[in-house]
Amino acid sequence: VLRDDFRQPPGDVVVAAGEPAVLECVPPRGHPEPSVSWKKNGVRVSDKDGRLTIRGGKLMVASTLKSDAGVYVCVATNVVGERDSEPAELVVF
C-alpha cells in the first residue's frame, strides 16, 4: 500500500548563501513504510556530497551554495511504487 497524500510536503525555503537549509517531508502512509529520497530539478539528489544529509525525510544542506538553488521534490518509495510530492523551491541569495 502507498497512499497518494504526503503527510507533510516540503515548503519553499529562502536562505542566504553559506547558511544551512532544511527541506522537510513526511511521506504518505504506506506498508511497508516508504523510504524518502529527493530530486533536484528532476535529478536524484545524492548524499554522497558531504554537505547534504537525508535523514528521516529531511534534506539538510550544511552550508548552501548558489548552485543548491532549484526545485526540489520529495520522493516516497516502497514496493508498490513511488510518489512525488508537490515541488518546493530553494532560493539562495
N, C-alpha and C. Protein backbone atom coordinates (compact mmCIF):
# COMPACT_ATOMS: atom_id res chain seq x y z
N VAL A 1 0.86 -1.19 0.00
CA VAL A 1 0.00 0.00 0.00
C VAL A 1 0.90 1.24 0.00
N LEU A 2 0.52 2.23 -0.79
CA LEU A 2 1.21 3.52 -0.74
C LEU A 2 0.17 4.59 -1.09
N ARG A 3 -0.17 5.39 -0.10
CA ARG A 3 -1.19 6.43 -0.33
C ARG A 3 -0.64 7.55 -1.19
N ASP A 4 -1.55 8.40 -1.66
CA ASP A 4 -1.15 9.49 -2.55
C ASP A 4 -0.70 10.73 -1.79
N ASP A 5 -1.30 10.94 -0.64
CA ASP A 5 -1.13 12.24 0.03
C ASP A 5 0.03 12.24 1.01
N PHE A 6 0.93 13.18 0.79
CA PHE A 6 2.06 13.37 1.69
C PHE A 6 1.54 13.96 3.00
N ARG A 7 2.00 13.39 4.12
CA ARG A 7 1.57 13.92 5.42
C ARG A 7 2.11 15.32 5.62
N GLN A 8 3.32 15.58 5.10
CA GLN A 8 3.84 16.94 5.08
C GLN A 8 4.70 17.10 3.84
N PRO A 9 4.18 17.80 2.82
CA PRO A 9 5.02 18.05 1.65
C PRO A 9 6.02 19.15 1.96
N PRO A 10 7.14 19.18 1.24
CA PRO A 10 8.12 20.24 1.51
C PRO A 10 7.58 21.61 1.12
N GLY A 11 8.05 22.63 1.83
CA GLY A 11 7.66 24.01 1.51
C GLY A 11 8.85 24.77 0.96
N ASP A 12 8.59 25.89 0.33
CA ASP A 12 9.67 26.71 -0.21
C ASP A 12 10.56 27.22 0.93
N VAL A 13 11.87 27.32 0.64
CA VAL A 13 12.83 27.77 1.63
C VAL A 13 13.70 28.85 1.00
N VAL A 14 13.91 29.93 1.75
CA VAL A 14 14.78 31.01 1.27
C VAL A 14 15.90 31.19 2.30
N VAL A 15 17.14 31.09 1.84
CA VAL A 15 18.28 31.25 2.75
C VAL A 15 19.36 32.10 2.09
N ALA A 16 20.25 32.65 2.92
CA ALA A 16 21.42 33.34 2.42
C ALA A 16 22.50 32.31 2.14
N ALA A 17 23.31 32.55 1.12
CA ALA A 17 24.42 31.65 0.79
C ALA A 17 25.28 31.45 2.04
N GLY A 18 25.68 30.20 2.29
CA GLY A 18 26.50 29.90 3.45
C GLY A 18 25.69 29.46 4.65
N GLU A 19 24.39 29.77 4.65
CA GLU A 19 23.50 29.35 5.74
C GLU A 19 23.05 27.91 5.51
N PRO A 20 22.70 27.21 6.58
CA PRO A 20 22.13 25.87 6.39
C PRO A 20 20.68 25.98 5.92
N ALA A 21 20.23 24.97 5.19
CA ALA A 21 18.84 24.92 4.73
C ALA A 21 18.29 23.54 5.05
N VAL A 22 17.02 23.48 5.43
CA VAL A 22 16.36 22.20 5.70
C VAL A 22 15.04 22.16 4.94
N LEU A 23 14.89 21.13 4.12
CA LEU A 23 13.61 20.87 3.45
C LEU A 23 13.01 19.68 4.17
N GLU A 24 11.78 19.82 4.63
CA GLU A 24 11.15 18.75 5.40
C GLU A 24 10.09 18.04 4.58
N CYS A 25 9.99 16.75 4.81
CA CYS A 25 9.00 15.95 4.08
C CYS A 25 8.56 14.80 4.96
N VAL A 26 7.25 14.62 5.11
CA VAL A 26 6.74 13.42 5.77
C VAL A 26 5.97 12.66 4.70
N PRO A 27 6.46 11.46 4.34
CA PRO A 27 5.87 10.74 3.22
C PRO A 27 4.45 10.25 3.51
N PRO A 28 3.74 9.84 2.46
CA PRO A 28 2.42 9.26 2.68
C PRO A 28 2.53 8.00 3.52
N ARG A 29 1.43 7.62 4.15
CA ARG A 29 1.42 6.34 4.85
C ARG A 29 1.53 5.22 3.82
N GLY A 30 2.24 4.17 4.20
CA GLY A 30 2.38 3.04 3.29
C GLY A 30 2.79 1.80 4.06
N HIS A 31 2.61 0.67 3.42
CA HIS A 31 3.04 -0.60 4.02
C HIS A 31 3.72 -1.40 2.94
N PRO A 32 5.03 -1.68 3.00
CA PRO A 32 5.92 -1.23 4.07
C PRO A 32 6.10 0.29 4.07
N GLU A 33 6.56 0.81 5.20
CA GLU A 33 6.79 2.25 5.35
C GLU A 33 7.70 2.74 4.21
N PRO A 34 7.27 3.77 3.48
CA PRO A 34 8.10 4.20 2.35
C PRO A 34 9.40 4.87 2.78
N SER A 35 10.42 4.71 1.94
CA SER A 35 11.67 5.43 2.17
C SER A 35 11.58 6.75 1.40
N VAL A 36 12.36 7.73 1.83
CA VAL A 36 12.32 9.05 1.23
C VAL A 36 13.63 9.35 0.53
N SER A 37 13.53 9.81 -0.70
CA SER A 37 14.69 10.36 -1.39
C SER A 37 14.25 11.70 -1.98
N TRP A 38 15.19 12.39 -2.59
CA TRP A 38 14.90 13.74 -3.10
C TRP A 38 15.38 13.88 -4.52
N LYS A 39 14.69 14.71 -5.28
CA LYS A 39 15.15 15.07 -6.61
C LYS A 39 15.28 16.59 -6.67
N LYS A 40 16.31 17.05 -7.35
CA LYS A 40 16.50 18.49 -7.57
C LYS A 40 16.46 18.71 -9.08
N ASN A 41 15.53 19.56 -9.50
CA ASN A 41 15.35 19.83 -10.93
C ASN A 41 15.25 18.51 -11.72
N GLY A 42 14.54 17.53 -11.13
CA GLY A 42 14.30 16.27 -11.82
C GLY A 42 15.39 15.22 -11.68
N VAL A 43 16.51 15.57 -11.02
CA VAL A 43 17.63 14.63 -10.88
C VAL A 43 17.76 14.21 -9.43
N ARG A 44 17.93 12.89 -9.21
CA ARG A 44 18.02 12.40 -7.84
C ARG A 44 19.21 13.01 -7.11
N VAL A 45 18.95 13.43 -5.88
CA VAL A 45 20.00 14.04 -5.06
C VAL A 45 20.78 12.93 -4.36
N SER A 46 22.09 13.03 -4.40
CA SER A 46 22.93 12.05 -3.72
C SER A 46 23.47 12.64 -2.43
N ASP A 47 23.41 11.87 -1.35
CA ASP A 47 24.00 12.38 -0.12
C ASP A 47 25.47 11.98 -0.02
N LYS A 48 26.05 11.58 -1.18
CA LYS A 48 27.50 11.36 -1.23
C LYS A 48 28.21 12.71 -1.07
N ASP A 49 27.53 13.77 -1.51
CA ASP A 49 28.05 15.12 -1.31
C ASP A 49 28.03 15.39 0.19
N GLY A 50 29.18 15.63 0.78
CA GLY A 50 29.27 15.75 2.24
C GLY A 50 28.42 16.86 2.84
N ARG A 51 28.01 17.84 2.04
CA ARG A 51 27.22 18.94 2.57
C ARG A 51 25.74 18.57 2.72
N LEU A 52 25.34 17.49 2.06
CA LEU A 52 23.92 17.11 2.06
C LEU A 52 23.69 15.90 2.96
N THR A 53 22.63 15.97 3.75
CA THR A 53 22.26 14.83 4.58
C THR A 53 20.77 14.58 4.40
N ILE A 54 20.41 13.32 4.20
CA ILE A 54 18.99 12.95 4.14
C ILE A 54 18.73 12.08 5.37
N ARG A 55 17.86 12.60 6.25
CA ARG A 55 17.59 11.84 7.47
C ARG A 55 16.12 11.97 7.83
N GLY A 56 15.45 10.83 7.91
CA GLY A 56 14.06 10.83 8.33
C GLY A 56 13.17 11.76 7.51
N GLY A 57 13.43 11.82 6.22
CA GLY A 57 12.59 12.65 5.36
C GLY A 57 13.10 14.05 5.16
N LYS A 58 14.00 14.49 6.03
CA LYS A 58 14.55 15.85 5.88
C LYS A 58 15.74 15.83 4.94
N LEU A 59 15.82 16.87 4.11
CA LEU A 59 17.02 17.09 3.32
C LEU A 59 17.72 18.29 3.94
N MET A 60 18.93 18.06 4.45
CA MET A 60 19.66 19.13 5.12
C MET A 60 20.89 19.50 4.31
N VAL A 61 21.06 20.79 4.07
CA VAL A 61 22.23 21.31 3.36
C VAL A 61 23.04 22.09 4.38
N ALA A 62 24.27 21.64 4.61
CA ALA A 62 25.08 22.22 5.70
C ALA A 62 25.36 23.71 5.45
N SER A 63 25.93 24.04 4.32
CA SER A 63 26.13 25.47 4.01
C SER A 63 25.78 25.63 2.54
N THR A 64 24.72 26.36 2.28
CA THR A 64 24.19 26.43 0.93
C THR A 64 25.11 27.22 0.00
N LEU A 65 25.13 26.77 -1.24
CA LEU A 65 25.82 27.47 -2.32
C LEU A 65 24.75 27.95 -3.28
N LYS A 66 25.10 28.94 -4.09
CA LYS A 66 24.18 29.41 -5.13
C LYS A 66 23.67 28.24 -5.96
N SER A 67 24.57 27.28 -6.21
CA SER A 67 24.23 26.14 -7.08
C SER A 67 23.21 25.19 -6.45
N ASP A 68 22.96 25.33 -5.14
CA ASP A 68 21.95 24.47 -4.49
C ASP A 68 20.53 24.94 -4.80
N ALA A 69 20.40 26.19 -5.27
CA ALA A 69 19.07 26.71 -5.57
C ALA A 69 18.43 25.86 -6.65
N GLY A 70 17.11 25.71 -6.56
CA GLY A 70 16.40 24.93 -7.57
C GLY A 70 15.09 24.44 -7.03
N VAL A 71 14.48 23.54 -7.80
CA VAL A 71 13.18 22.99 -7.43
C VAL A 71 13.40 21.56 -6.94
N TYR A 72 12.95 21.32 -5.71
CA TYR A 72 13.15 20.03 -5.06
C TYR A 72 11.83 19.29 -4.92
N VAL A 73 11.90 17.98 -5.11
CA VAL A 73 10.72 17.13 -4.95
C VAL A 73 11.10 15.99 -4.01
N CYS A 74 10.22 15.72 -3.06
CA CYS A 74 10.40 14.61 -2.13
C CYS A 74 9.78 13.37 -2.79
N VAL A 75 10.52 12.27 -2.79
CA VAL A 75 10.05 11.04 -3.44
C VAL A 75 9.90 9.95 -2.38
N ALA A 76 8.68 9.44 -2.25
CA ALA A 76 8.42 8.33 -1.32
C ALA A 76 8.37 7.04 -2.13
N THR A 77 9.12 6.02 -1.69
CA THR A 77 9.22 4.78 -2.45
C THR A 77 9.01 3.56 -1.55
N ASN A 78 8.18 2.64 -2.00
CA ASN A 78 8.16 1.30 -1.40
C ASN A 78 7.88 0.30 -2.51
N VAL A 79 7.59 -0.96 -2.15
CA VAL A 79 7.45 -2.00 -3.18
C VAL A 79 6.32 -1.71 -4.15
N VAL A 80 5.33 -0.93 -3.74
CA VAL A 80 4.18 -0.63 -4.59
C VAL A 80 4.58 0.32 -5.73
N GLY A 81 5.50 1.23 -5.41
CA GLY A 81 5.89 2.21 -6.42
C GLY A 81 6.44 3.44 -5.75
N GLU A 82 6.32 4.57 -6.45
CA GLU A 82 6.79 5.80 -5.83
C GLU A 82 5.84 6.95 -6.09
N ARG A 83 5.87 7.90 -5.17
CA ARG A 83 5.05 9.10 -5.28
C ARG A 83 5.95 10.31 -5.16
N ASP A 84 5.68 11.31 -5.98
CA ASP A 84 6.42 12.57 -5.90
C ASP A 84 5.56 13.59 -5.17
N SER A 85 6.19 14.38 -4.30
CA SER A 85 5.47 15.46 -3.62
C SER A 85 5.28 16.62 -4.59
N GLU A 86 4.52 17.60 -4.14
CA GLU A 86 4.49 18.87 -4.86
C GLU A 86 5.90 19.45 -4.80
N PRO A 87 6.31 20.19 -5.82
CA PRO A 87 7.66 20.76 -5.78
C PRO A 87 7.80 21.90 -4.77
N ALA A 88 9.00 22.05 -4.24
CA ALA A 88 9.33 23.15 -3.34
C ALA A 88 10.57 23.83 -3.90
N GLU A 89 10.63 25.14 -3.76
CA GLU A 89 11.77 25.86 -4.30
C GLU A 89 12.73 26.25 -3.18
N LEU A 90 14.02 26.02 -3.44
CA LEU A 90 15.06 26.51 -2.55
C LEU A 90 15.68 27.72 -3.23
N VAL A 91 15.57 28.88 -2.57
CA VAL A 91 16.13 30.12 -3.09
C VAL A 91 17.35 30.48 -2.25
N VAL A 92 18.48 30.71 -2.91
CA VAL A 92 19.72 31.07 -2.21
C VAL A 92 20.13 32.46 -2.70
N PHE A 93 20.18 33.41 -1.76
CA PHE A 93 20.56 34.76 -2.19
C PHE A 93 21.87 35.19 -1.54
